[in-house]
């Protein structure tokens, strides 16, 4: 599996933790940065992650900013991306099982260090349920085509 990650300056610390966690699971990580606490614009990094996922260059993506709000807005602007802000493992479970998210968005401010492992594990191991959720995702895909 190959996963793209990216963050703004306010979330560099969490991005590094996520990178180490993914690599410890022998997952190939493509790190789009940033690697500094010097101010940058979060859309630059969120778009790189989302575009890599949409293009099939990676299997999934993780985008991180201070609250997560900016990254979830940014990544969802790319056709084919289903991103969700997950602050705990329950959110990650339902976002995967019901919404088949391909980009996990995290918040440096609101995700607790002790929850990171559970969120990542849940996101990686939960399968999409299909069933009634398929028609809902089809409506989202149709809306993307109408843009």
Protein backbone atom coordinates (compact mmCIF):
# COMPACT_ATOMS: atom_id res chain seq x y z
CA UNK A 1 0.00 0.00 0.00
CA UNK A 2 1.11 3.54 -0.77
CA UNK A 3 -0.24 6.56 1.11
CA UNK A 4 0.32 10.28 0.44
CA UNK A 5 0.53 12.64 3.40
CA UNK A 6 0.65 16.40 3.66
CA UNK A 7 0.18 19.14 6.21
CA UNK A 8 0.53 22.82 6.73
CA UNK A 9 2.97 24.41 9.17
CA UNK A 10 0.55 24.12 12.09
CA UNK A 11 0.38 20.33 11.80
CA UNK A 12 3.96 19.29 11.06
CA UNK A 13 4.27 17.48 14.38
CA UNK A 14 1.20 15.29 13.81
CA UNK A 15 2.22 14.62 10.20
CA UNK A 16 5.56 13.29 11.40
CA UNK A 17 3.82 11.01 13.92
CA UNK A 18 1.50 9.70 11.22
CA UNK A 19 4.40 9.14 8.81
CA UNK A 20 6.31 7.12 11.40
CA UNK A 21 3.19 5.13 12.30
CA UNK A 22 2.46 4.27 8.66
CA UNK A 23 6.06 3.34 7.91
CA UNK A 24 6.13 1.10 11.00
CA UNK A 25 3.33 -0.87 9.28
CA UNK A 26 5.54 -1.19 6.18
CA UNK A 27 3.35 1.22 4.21
CA UNK A 28 5.11 3.31 1.61
CA UNK A 29 4.61 6.99 2.39
CA UNK A 30 4.84 9.83 -0.12
CA UNK A 31 5.33 12.95 1.98
CA UNK A 32 4.31 16.14 0.20
CA UNK A 33 5.37 18.32 3.13
CA UNK A 34 5.55 20.78 4.61
CA UNK A 35 8.52 19.97 6.81
CA UNK A 36 8.79 23.29 8.59
CA UNK A 37 6.82 25.46 10.98
CA UNK A 38 7.30 28.42 8.64
CA UNK A 39 3.89 29.66 7.52
CA UNK A 40 2.50 28.05 4.34
CA UNK A 41 -0.92 27.77 2.72
CA UNK A 42 -2.72 24.51 3.56
CA UNK A 43 -4.43 24.21 0.13
CA UNK A 44 -1.04 23.73 -1.53
CA UNK A 45 -0.44 20.56 0.49
CA UNK A 46 -4.01 19.27 0.64
CA UNK A 47 -4.33 19.51 -3.13
CA UNK A 48 -1.10 17.57 -3.67
CA UNK A 49 -2.41 14.74 -1.50
CA UNK A 50 -5.86 14.72 -3.11
CA UNK A 51 -4.51 14.90 -6.66
CA UNK A 52 -2.13 11.99 -6.02
CA UNK A 53 -5.05 9.87 -4.75
CA UNK A 54 -7.35 10.90 -7.60
CA UNK A 55 -4.65 10.14 -10.18
CA UNK A 56 -4.05 6.69 -8.72
CA UNK A 57 -0.43 7.47 -7.83
CA UNK A 58 -1.21 6.35 -4.26
CA UNK A 59 -3.91 4.20 -2.69
CA UNK A 60 -5.04 6.68 -0.03
CA UNK A 61 -4.13 10.01 1.51
CA UNK A 62 -3.83 11.75 4.85
CA UNK A 63 -4.13 15.55 5.04
CA UNK A 64 -3.58 17.44 8.28
CA UNK A 65 -3.95 21.03 9.41
CA UNK A 66 -4.60 22.83 12.69
CA UNK A 67 -8.37 22.16 12.91
CA UNK A 68 -8.79 19.89 9.90
CA UNK A 69 -11.49 22.15 8.45
CA UNK A 70 -9.31 23.70 5.76
CA UNK A 71 -7.93 20.37 4.60
CA UNK A 72 -11.33 18.67 4.40
CA UNK A 73 -12.69 21.53 2.29
CA UNK A 74 -9.62 21.58 0.05
CA UNK A 75 -9.31 17.85 -0.55
CA UNK A 76 -13.00 17.42 -1.34
CA UNK A 77 -12.67 19.93 -4.21
CA UNK A 78 -10.81 17.29 -6.24
CA UNK A 79 -13.08 14.98 -8.25
CA UNK A 80 -13.00 11.43 -6.97
CA UNK A 81 -11.98 12.37 -3.46
CA UNK A 82 -14.08 11.46 -0.47
CA UNK A 83 -12.36 13.04 2.51
CA UNK A 84 -13.56 13.16 6.09
CA UNK A 85 -12.28 14.81 9.22
CA UNK A 86 -11.92 12.06 11.82
CA UNK A 87 -11.28 13.08 15.42
CA UNK A 88 -11.66 9.57 16.87
CA UNK A 89 -11.83 5.93 15.79
CA UNK A 90 -15.64 5.91 15.60
CA UNK A 91 -15.59 8.71 13.05
CA UNK A 92 -12.93 6.82 11.08
CA UNK A 93 -15.01 3.64 11.20
CA UNK A 94 -18.17 5.23 9.84
CA UNK A 95 -16.35 7.40 7.32
CA UNK A 96 -14.79 4.23 5.83
CA UNK A 97 -17.71 1.82 6.20
CA UNK A 98 -20.44 4.20 5.03
CA UNK A 99 -18.62 6.79 2.90
CA UNK A 100 -15.64 4.82 1.56
CA UNK A 101 -13.30 7.73 2.27
CA UNK A 102 -10.00 7.71 0.43
CA UNK A 103 -8.51 10.70 2.27
CA UNK A 104 -8.34 10.84 6.03
CA UNK A 105 -8.21 14.37 7.44
CA UNK A 106 -6.78 14.93 10.90
CA UNK A 107 -6.54 17.92 13.23
CA UNK A 108 -3.36 18.82 15.09
CA UNK A 109 -5.46 20.78 17.60
CA UNK A 110 -8.24 18.27 18.29
CA UNK A 111 -6.79 14.77 17.78
CA UNK A 112 -5.31 13.45 21.00
CA UNK A 113 -1.92 11.73 20.78
CA UNK A 114 -3.32 8.65 22.48
CA UNK A 115 -6.01 8.33 19.76
CA UNK A 116 -3.79 8.54 16.67
CA UNK A 117 -2.97 4.83 16.53
CA UNK A 118 -6.63 3.78 16.88
CA UNK A 119 -7.79 6.28 14.24
CA UNK A 120 -5.17 5.14 11.73
CA UNK A 121 -5.76 1.42 12.45
CA UNK A 122 -9.52 1.81 12.08
CA UNK A 123 -9.18 3.77 8.85
CA UNK A 124 -6.79 1.22 7.36
CA UNK A 125 -8.70 -1.91 8.37
CA UNK A 126 -12.36 -0.96 7.96
CA UNK A 127 -13.97 -2.11 4.73
CA UNK A 128 -16.66 -0.23 2.82
CA UNK A 129 -20.04 -1.86 3.57
CA UNK A 130 -21.53 -1.29 0.13
CA UNK A 131 -25.26 -2.02 0.12
CA UNK A 132 -27.42 1.05 0.65
CA UNK A 133 -24.31 3.25 0.67
CA UNK A 134 -23.52 2.53 -2.98
CA UNK A 135 -26.46 4.58 -4.26
CA UNK A 136 -25.45 7.48 -2.03
CA UNK A 137 -21.90 7.51 -3.34
CA UNK A 138 -23.28 7.29 -6.89
CA UNK A 139 -25.15 10.55 -6.27
CA UNK A 140 -21.91 12.21 -5.18
CA UNK A 141 -20.10 10.94 -8.29
CA UNK A 142 -22.94 12.24 -10.48
CA UNK A 143 -22.68 15.67 -8.87
CA UNK A 144 -18.95 15.73 -9.64
CA UNK A 145 -19.67 15.11 -13.32
CA UNK A 146 -22.07 18.05 -13.39
CA UNK A 147 -19.45 20.54 -12.19
